[in-house]
Amino acid sequence: MESANLLNLAEPGDTAFLFIDHQIGLLQTVTYVSLTELRTKITALAKVAQIVRAPIIITGIDITGASGPILPELKREFPQATYIERQFEINAWNNPSFVEAVKRTRKRTLVISGIWTSVCVTFPALSALDAGYKVFAVDDASGDISAQAHDTAVKRWQQAGIVPVTVNSIAAEMQQTWNRPEAEKFRNIYADIVPDYKALLGTVEAVQAGKPVKAY
């Protein structure tokens, strides 16, 4: 891949979102970050995709075994997503149905997140990159068995040409402007994932309503 591609912004109209192995059992192995925070960011990322009408593909493996079912909020909130249950392939890109689902989107930019970062995100991200896709991997909507494993995977992304992003950055990249009908939905996403921003919005609303603002 040409290095110039690393500098390009993701275009909402050419982007698909891949959620790989966000499963209840696997999430229990992520201990260096609050699971509540991680789940909130995973859901927020899917909401971003939904707002910009980007394809969402969710895949899982061994859902009746130790890996557990897909996060219920993903299955509940995004019924329009394409769901692929893999046949025990560790690298999702080795599953023909998954690859075909990606191809059917006709998008050339992929935003990937998953559990574990070093395996379930990294392997298909590298495979997609090799297949000619532009790949963005979402750091804080992914998790691993340790902070070291996660951070090492992110370094591997950078060395390979996969672009590491965070939920708030890819949200803004998809949003592009506040001058859009869904601006309030984006504002709510930022409030969900950034408590200080939510507090700021509350303060602004109080001032606009002429209510006293509590000083801390």
C-alpha atoms as a PDB file:
ATOM      1  CA  MET A   1       0.000   0.000   0.000  1.00  0.00           C
ATOM      2  CA  GLU A   2       1.274   3.490  -0.828  1.00  0.00           C
ATOM      3  CA  SER A   3       2.253   5.556   2.188  1.00  0.00           C
ATOM      4  CA  ALA A   4       0.023   8.412   1.005  1.00  0.00           C
ATOM      5  CA  ASN A   5      -2.989   6.277   1.837  1.00  0.00           C
ATOM      6  CA  LEU A   6      -2.121   6.554   5.514  1.00  0.00           C
ATOM      7  CA  LEU A   7      -2.801  10.285   5.350  1.00  0.00           C
ATOM      8  CA  ASN A   8      -6.218  10.037   3.727  1.00  0.00           C
ATOM      9  CA  LEU A   9      -9.378  10.539   5.729  1.00  0.00           C
ATOM     10  CA  ALA A  10     -12.032   7.842   5.683  1.00  0.00           C
ATOM     11  CA  GLU A  11     -14.980   8.728   3.467  1.00  0.00           C
ATOM     12  CA  PRO A  12     -18.388   7.822   4.958  1.00  0.00           C
ATOM     13  CA  GLY A  13     -19.723   6.784   1.564  1.00  0.00           C
ATOM     14  CA  ASP A  14     -16.902   4.297   1.039  1.00  0.00           C
ATOM     15  CA  THR A  15     -16.680   2.774   4.521  1.00  0.00           C
ATOM     16  CA  ALA A  16     -17.916  -0.455   6.112  1.00  0.00           C
ATOM     17  CA  PHE A  17     -17.690  -1.266   9.836  1.00  0.00           C
ATOM     18  CA  LEU A  18     -16.584  -4.729  10.947  1.00  0.00           C
ATOM     19  CA  PHE A  19     -17.241  -5.910  14.520  1.00  0.00           C
ATOM     20  CA  ILE A  20     -15.261  -9.062  15.210  1.00  0.00           C
ATOM     21  CA  ASP A  21     -15.805 -11.355  18.207  1.00  0.00           C
ATOM     22  CA  HIS A  22     -17.383  -8.815  20.550  1.00  0.00           C
ATOM     23  CA  GLN A  23     -18.597 -11.703  22.688  1.00  0.00           C
ATOM     24  CA  ILE A  24     -19.538 -11.885  26.348  1.00  0.00           C
ATOM     25  CA  GLY A  25     -17.025 -14.597  27.233  1.00  0.00           C
ATOM     26  CA  LEU A  26     -14.100 -12.951  25.492  1.00  0.00           C
ATOM     27  CA  LEU A  27     -14.873  -9.613  27.115  1.00  0.00           C
ATOM     28  CA  GLN A  28     -14.347 -11.201  30.525  1.00  0.00           C
ATOM     29  CA  THR A  29     -10.665 -11.611  29.652  1.00  0.00           C
ATOM     30  CA  VAL A  30     -10.189  -7.851  29.237  1.00  0.00           C
ATOM     31  CA  THR A  31      -9.202  -6.580  32.684  1.00  0.00           C
ATOM     32  CA  TYR A  32      -7.179  -3.369  32.146  1.00  0.00           C
ATOM     33  CA  VAL A  33     -10.192  -1.275  31.167  1.00  0.00           C
ATOM     34  CA  SER A  34     -13.711  -1.064  32.573  1.00  0.00           C
ATOM     35  CA  LEU A  35     -16.030  -3.419  30.698  1.00  0.00           C
ATOM     36  CA  THR A  36     -18.774  -0.817  31.018  1.00  0.00           C
ATOM     37  CA  GLU A  37     -16.574   1.738  29.264  1.00  0.00           C
ATOM     38  CA  LEU A  38     -15.541  -0.758  26.601  1.00  0.00           C
ATOM     39  CA  ARG A  39     -19.120  -1.813  25.884  1.00  0.00           C
ATOM     40  CA  THR A  40     -20.222   1.814  25.722  1.00  0.00           C
ATOM     41  CA  LYS A  41     -17.585   2.578  23.107  1.00  0.00           C
ATOM     42  CA  ILE A  42     -18.372  -0.519  21.059  1.00  0.00           C
ATOM     43  CA  THR A  43     -22.036   0.471  20.971  1.00  0.00           C
ATOM     44  CA  ALA A  44     -21.165   4.092  20.178  1.00  0.00           C
ATOM     45  CA  LEU A  45     -19.058   2.955  17.235  1.00  0.00           C
ATOM     46  CA  ALA A  46     -21.962   0.957  15.827  1.00  0.00           C
ATOM     47  CA  LYS A  47     -24.239   3.976  16.276  1.00  0.00           C
ATOM     48  CA  VAL A  48     -21.815   6.042  14.198  1.00  0.00           C
ATOM     49  CA  ALA A  49     -22.040   3.488  11.405  1.00  0.00           C
ATOM     50  CA  GLN A  50     -25.812   3.477  11.662  1.00  0.00           C
ATOM     51  CA  ILE A  51     -26.077   7.279  11.478  1.00  0.00           C
ATOM     52  CA  VAL A  52     -24.007   7.515   8.295  1.00  0.00           C
ATOM     53  CA  ARG A  53     -25.784   4.457   6.853  1.00  0.00           C
ATOM     54  CA  ALA A  54     -22.561   2.492   6.503  1.00  0.00           C
ATOM     55  CA  PRO A  55     -22.747  -1.303   6.276  1.00  0.00           C
ATOM     56  CA  ILE A  56     -22.250  -3.105   9.588  1.00  0.00           C
ATOM     57  CA  ILE A  57     -20.914  -6.658   9.637  1.00  0.00           C
ATOM     58  CA  ILE A  58     -20.830  -8.553  12.941  1.00  0.00           C
ATOM     59  CA  THR A  59     -19.083 -11.887  13.269  1.00  0.00           C
ATOM     60  CA  GLY A  60     -18.586 -14.335  16.099  1.00  0.00           C
ATOM     61  CA  ILE A  61     -17.076 -17.743  16.759  1.00  0.00           C
ATOM     62  CA  ASP A  62     -18.039 -20.547  19.160  1.00  0.00           C
ATOM     63  CA  ILE A  63     -21.015 -18.530  20.449  1.00  0.00           C
ATOM     64  CA  THR A  64     -22.359 -21.500  22.431  1.00  0.00           C
ATOM     65  CA  GLY A  65     -18.957 -22.202  23.990  1.00  0.00           C
ATOM     66  CA  ALA A  66     -16.457 -20.299  26.088  1.00  0.00           C
ATOM     67  CA  SER A  67     -16.422 -17.253  23.792  1.00  0.00           C
ATOM     68  CA  GLY A  68     -20.083 -16.670  24.553  1.00  0.00           C
ATOM     69  CA  PRO A  69     -22.828 -14.878  22.610  1.00  0.00           C
ATOM     70  CA  ILE A  70     -22.422 -11.580  20.767  1.00  0.00           C
ATOM     71  CA  LEU A  71     -22.956  -8.536  22.986  1.00  0.00           C
ATOM     72  CA  PRO A  72     -26.734  -8.213  23.292  1.00  0.00           C
ATOM     73  CA  GLU A  73     -26.625  -4.465  22.647  1.00  0.00           C
ATOM     74  CA  LEU A  74     -25.101  -5.080  19.229  1.00  0.00           C
ATOM     75  CA  LYS A  75     -27.681  -7.694  18.243  1.00  0.00           C
ATOM     76  CA  ARG A  76     -30.554  -5.700  19.777  1.00  0.00           C
ATOM     77  CA  GLU A  77     -29.734  -2.201  18.567  1.00  0.00           C
ATOM     78  CA  PHE A  78     -28.527  -3.064  15.066  1.00  0.00           C
ATOM     79  CA  PRO A  79     -30.823  -5.749  13.637  1.00  0.00           C
ATOM     80  CA  GLN A  80     -30.038  -4.521  10.118  1.00  0.00           C
ATOM     81  CA  ALA A  81     -26.397  -5.592  10.486  1.00  0.00           C
ATOM     82  CA  THR A  82     -25.106  -8.594   8.575  1.00  0.00           C
ATOM     83  CA  TYR A  83     -24.225 -11.381  11.011  1.00  0.00           C
ATOM     84  CA  ILE A  84     -21.739 -14.133  10.156  1.00  0.00           C
ATOM     85  CA  GLU A  85     -21.143 -17.035  12.536  1.00  0.00           C
ATOM     86  CA  ARG A  86     -17.758 -18.420  11.585  1.00  0.00           C
ATOM     87  CA  GLN A  87     -16.782 -22.076  11.461  1.00  0.00           C
ATOM     88  CA  PHE A  88     -14.004 -21.783  14.059  1.00  0.00           C
ATOM     89  CA  GLU A  89     -11.596 -19.803  11.847  1.00  0.00           C
ATOM     90  CA  ILE A  90      -9.456 -17.608  14.108  1.00  0.00           C
ATOM     91  CA  ASN A  91      -8.786 -15.108  11.330  1.00  0.00           C
ATOM     92  CA  ALA A  92     -12.224 -13.931  10.175  1.00  0.00           C
ATOM     93  CA  TRP A  93     -10.762 -13.294   6.722  1.00  0.00           C
ATOM     94  CA  ASN A  94     -10.320 -17.056   6.329  1.00  0.00           C
ATOM     95  CA  ASN A  95     -14.095 -17.484   6.414  1.00  0.00           C
ATOM     96  CA  PRO A  96     -15.479 -17.258   2.852  1.00  0.00           C
ATOM     97  CA  SER A  97     -18.903 -16.014   3.988  1.00  0.00           C
ATOM     98  CA  PHE A  98     -17.322 -13.165   5.933  1.00  0.00           C
ATOM     99  CA  VAL A  99     -15.129 -12.091   3.020  1.00  0.00           C
ATOM    100  CA  GLU A 100     -18.075 -12.302   0.638  1.00  0.00           C
ATOM    101  CA  ALA A 101     -20.146 -10.116   2.988  1.00  0.00           C
ATOM    102  CA  VAL A 102     -17.376  -7.528   2.960  1.00  0.00           C
ATOM    103  CA  LYS A 103     -17.173  -7.649  -0.830  1.00  0.00           C
ATOM    104  CA  ARG A 104     -20.932  -7.215  -1.159  1.00  0.00           C
ATOM    105  CA  THR A 105     -20.722  -3.854   0.601  1.00  0.00           C
ATOM    106  CA  ARG A 106     -18.659  -2.544  -2.350  1.00  0.00           C
ATOM    107  CA  LYS A 107     -16.749  -0.381   0.166  1.00  0.00           C
ATOM    108  CA  ARG A 108     -12.970  -0.103  -0.013  1.00  0.00           C
ATOM    109  CA  THR A 109     -12.405   1.354   3.461  1.00  0.00           C
ATOM    110  CA  LEU A 110     -12.871  -0.867   6.507  1.00  0.00           C
ATOM    111  CA  VAL A 111     -13.198   0.243  10.135  1.00  0.00           C
ATOM    112  CA  ILE A 112     -12.405  -2.793  12.265  1.00  0.00           C
ATOM    113  CA  SER A 113     -12.799  -3.450  15.992  1.00  0.00           C
ATOM    114  CA  GLY A 114     -12.841  -6.631  18.036  1.00  0.00           C
ATOM    115  CA  ILE A 115     -11.796  -8.793  20.955  1.00  0.00           C
ATOM    116  CA  TRP A 116      -8.831  -9.686  21.133  1.00  0.00           C
ATOM    117  CA  THR A 117      -6.925  -6.786  19.608  1.00  0.00           C
ATOM    118  CA  SER A 118      -3.811  -8.829  18.849  1.00  0.00           C
ATOM    119  CA  VAL A 119      -5.712 -11.630  17.147  1.00  0.00           C
ATOM    120  CA  CYS A 120      -9.307 -10.976  16.125  1.00  0.00           C
ATOM    121  CA  VAL A 121      -8.594  -7.419  14.962  1.00  0.00           C
ATOM    122  CA  THR A 122      -5.013  -7.724  13.770  1.00  0.00           C
ATOM    123  CA  PHE A 123      -5.266 -10.866  11.628  1.00  0.00           C
ATOM    124  CA  PRO A 124      -8.235  -9.806   9.445  1.00  0.00           C
ATOM    125  CA  ALA A 125      -6.942  -6.232   9.326  1.00  0.00           C
ATOM    126  CA  LEU A 126      -3.635  -7.453   7.894  1.00  0.00           C
ATOM    127  CA  SER A 127      -5.471  -9.743   5.472  1.00  0.00           C
ATOM    128  CA  ALA A 128      -7.770  -6.933   4.305  1.00  0.00           C
ATOM    129  CA  LEU A 129      -4.801  -4.626   3.876  1.00  0.00           C
ATOM    130  CA  ASP A 130      -3.117  -7.269   1.736  1.00  0.00           C
ATOM    131  CA  ALA A 131      -6.325  -7.543  -0.315  1.00  0.00           C
ATOM    132  CA  GLY A 132      -6.112  -3.853  -1.166  1.00  0.00           C
ATOM    133  CA  TYR A 133      -8.478  -2.299   1.366  1.00  0.00           C
ATOM    134  CA  LYS A 134      -7.741   0.845   3.340  1.00  0.00           C
ATOM    135  CA  VAL A 135      -7.972  -0.276   6.970  1.00  0.00           C
ATOM    136  CA  PHE A 136      -8.697   1.717  10.118  1.00  0.00           C
ATOM    137  CA  ALA A 137      -8.624  -0.192  13.427  1.00  0.00           C
ATOM    138  CA  VAL A 138     -10.417   1.211  16.470  1.00  0.00           C
ATOM    139  CA  ASP A 139      -8.137   1.131  19.509  1.00  0.00           C
ATOM    140  CA  ASP A 140     -10.672   1.836  22.278  1.00  0.00           C
ATOM    141  CA  ALA A 141     -13.482  -0.345  20.877  1.00  0.00           C
ATOM    142  CA  SER A 142     -11.116  -3.326  21.017  1.00  0.00           C
ATOM    143  CA  GLY A 143      -9.545  -5.148  23.935  1.00  0.00           C
ATOM    144  CA  ASP A 144      -7.020  -7.836  24.788  1.00  0.00           C
ATOM    145  CA  ILE A 145      -5.813 -10.020  27.645  1.00  0.00           C
ATOM    146  CA  SER A 146      -3.469  -7.288  28.876  1.00  0.00           C
ATOM    147  CA  ALA A 147      -2.546  -3.689  28.176  1.00  0.00           C
ATOM    148  CA  GLN A 148       0.808  -4.958  26.873  1.00  0.00           C
ATOM    149  CA  ALA A 149      -0.845  -7.294  24.366  1.00  0.00           C
ATOM    150  CA  HIS A 150      -3.158  -4.510  23.195  1.00  0.00           C
ATOM    151  CA  ASP A 151      -0.417  -1.893  22.859  1.00  0.00           C
ATOM    152  CA  THR A 152       1.888  -4.317  21.039  1.00  0.00           C
ATOM    153  CA  ALA A 153      -0.893  -5.046  18.538  1.00  0.00           C
ATOM    154  CA  VAL A 154      -1.403  -1.327  17.887  1.00  0.00           C
ATOM    155  CA  LYS A 155       2.326  -0.967  17.175  1.00  0.00           C
ATOM    156  CA  ARG A 156       2.039  -3.850  14.729  1.00  0.00           C
ATOM    157  CA  TRP A 157      -0.852  -2.040  13.006  1.00  0.00           C
ATOM    158  CA  GLN A 158       1.259   1.045  12.555  1.00  0.00           C
ATOM    159  CA  GLN A 159       4.194  -0.896  11.151  1.00  0.00           C
ATOM    160  CA  ALA A 160       1.943  -2.648   8.633  1.00  0.00           C
ATOM    161  CA  GLY A 161       0.064   0.435   7.459  1.00  0.00           C
ATOM    162  CA  ILE A 162      -3.192  -0.087   9.374  1.00  0.00           C
ATOM    163  CA  VAL A 163      -4.411   3.266  10.722  1.00  0.00           C
ATOM    164  CA  PRO A 164      -5.168   3.252  14.479  1.00  0.00           C
ATOM    165  CA  VAL A 165      -8.116   5.442  15.484  1.00  0.00           C
ATOM    166  CA  THR A 166     -10.400   5.960  18.474  1.00  0.00           C
ATOM    167  CA  VAL A 167     -14.185   6.043  18.595  1.00  0.00           C
ATOM    168  CA  ASN A 168     -14.373   9.822  18.965  1.00  0.00           C
ATOM    169  CA  SER A 169     -11.941  10.419  16.099  1.00  0.00           C
ATOM    170  CA  ILE A 170     -13.661   8.091  13.626  1.00  0.00           C
ATOM    171  CA  ALA A 171     -17.026   9.541  14.695  1.00  0.00           C
ATOM    172  CA  ALA A 172     -15.835  13.047  13.829  1.00  0.00           C
ATOM    173  CA  GLU A 173     -14.326  11.741  10.598  1.00  0.00           C
ATOM    174  CA  MET A 174     -17.685  10.271   9.616  1.00  0.00           C
ATOM    175  CA  GLN A 175     -19.630  13.312  10.835  1.00  0.00           C
ATOM    176  CA  GLN A 176     -17.579  15.861   8.865  1.00  0.00           C
ATOM    177  CA  THR A 177     -19.750  18.849   9.863  1.00  0.00           C
ATOM    178  CA  TRP A 178     -22.138  20.009  12.590  1.00  0.00           C
ATOM    179  CA  ASN A 179     -24.313  21.380   9.824  1.00  0.00           C
ATOM    180  CA  ARG A 180     -26.200  18.132   9.263  1.00  0.00           C
ATOM    181  CA  PRO A 181     -29.600  16.801  10.368  1.00  0.00           C
ATOM    182  CA  GLU A 182     -28.011  14.137  12.603  1.00  0.00           C
ATOM    183  CA  ALA A 183     -25.823  16.588  14.540  1.00  0.00           C
ATOM    184  CA  GLU A 184     -27.712  15.955  17.768  1.00  0.00           C
ATOM    185  CA  LYS A 185     -27.172  12.204  17.429  1.00  0.00           C
ATOM    186  CA  PHE A 186     -23.425  12.749  17.106  1.00  0.00           C
ATOM    187  CA  ARG A 187     -23.483  15.074  20.100  1.00  0.00           C
ATOM    188  CA  ASN A 188     -25.168  12.349  22.130  1.00  0.00           C
ATOM    189  CA  ILE A 189     -22.512   9.836  21.080  1.00  0.00           C
ATOM    190  CA  TYR A 190     -19.721  12.140  22.269  1.00  0.00           C
ATOM    191  CA  ALA A 191     -21.609  12.648  25.531  1.00  0.00           C
ATOM    192  CA  ASP A 192     -21.892   8.876  26.009  1.00  0.00           C
ATOM    193  CA  ILE A 193     -18.162   8.243  25.600  1.00  0.00           C
ATOM    194  CA  VAL A 194     -16.763  11.467  27.152  1.00  0.00           C
ATOM    195  CA  PRO A 195     -18.232  12.154  30.623  1.00  0.00           C
ATOM    196  CA  ASP A 196     -16.599  15.604  30.802  1.00  0.00           C
ATOM    197  CA  TYR A 197     -18.215  16.558  27.498  1.00  0.00           C
ATOM    198  CA  LYS A 198     -21.583  15.426  28.850  1.00  0.00           C
ATOM    199  CA  ALA A 199     -21.033  17.596  31.921  1.00  0.00           C
ATOM    200  CA  LEU A 200     -20.101  20.519  29.677  1.00  0.00           C
ATOM    201  CA  LEU A 201     -23.314  20.122  27.693  1.00  0.00           C
ATOM    202  CA  GLY A 202     -25.286  20.098  30.934  1.00  0.00           C
ATOM    203  CA  THR A 203     -23.609  23.330  32.021  1.00  0.00           C
ATOM    204  CA  VAL A 204     -24.314  25.009  28.689  1.00  0.00           C
ATOM    205  CA  GLU A 205     -27.950  23.929  28.808  1.00  0.00           C
ATOM    206  CA  ALA A 206     -28.265  25.272  32.358  1.00  0.00           C
ATOM    207  CA  VAL A 207     -26.783  28.640  31.369  1.00  0.00           C
ATOM    208  CA  GLN A 208     -29.056  28.890  28.331  1.00  0.00           C
ATOM    209  CA  ALA A 209     -32.053  28.116  30.532  1.00  0.00           C
ATOM    210  CA  GLY A 210     -30.999  30.749  33.069  1.00  0.00           C
ATOM    211  CA  LYS A 211     -30.481  28.189  35.820  1.00  0.00           C
ATOM    212  CA  PRO A 212     -27.716  28.467  38.437  1.00  0.00           C
ATOM    213  CA  VAL A 213     -24.597  26.461  37.678  1.00  0.00           C
ATOM    214  CA  LYS A 214     -23.033  24.566  40.570  1.00  0.00           C
ATOM    215  CA  ALA A 215     -19.331  25.280  41.056  1.00  0.00           C
ATOM    216  CA  TYR A 216     -17.021  22.423  42.032  1.00  0.00           C
END
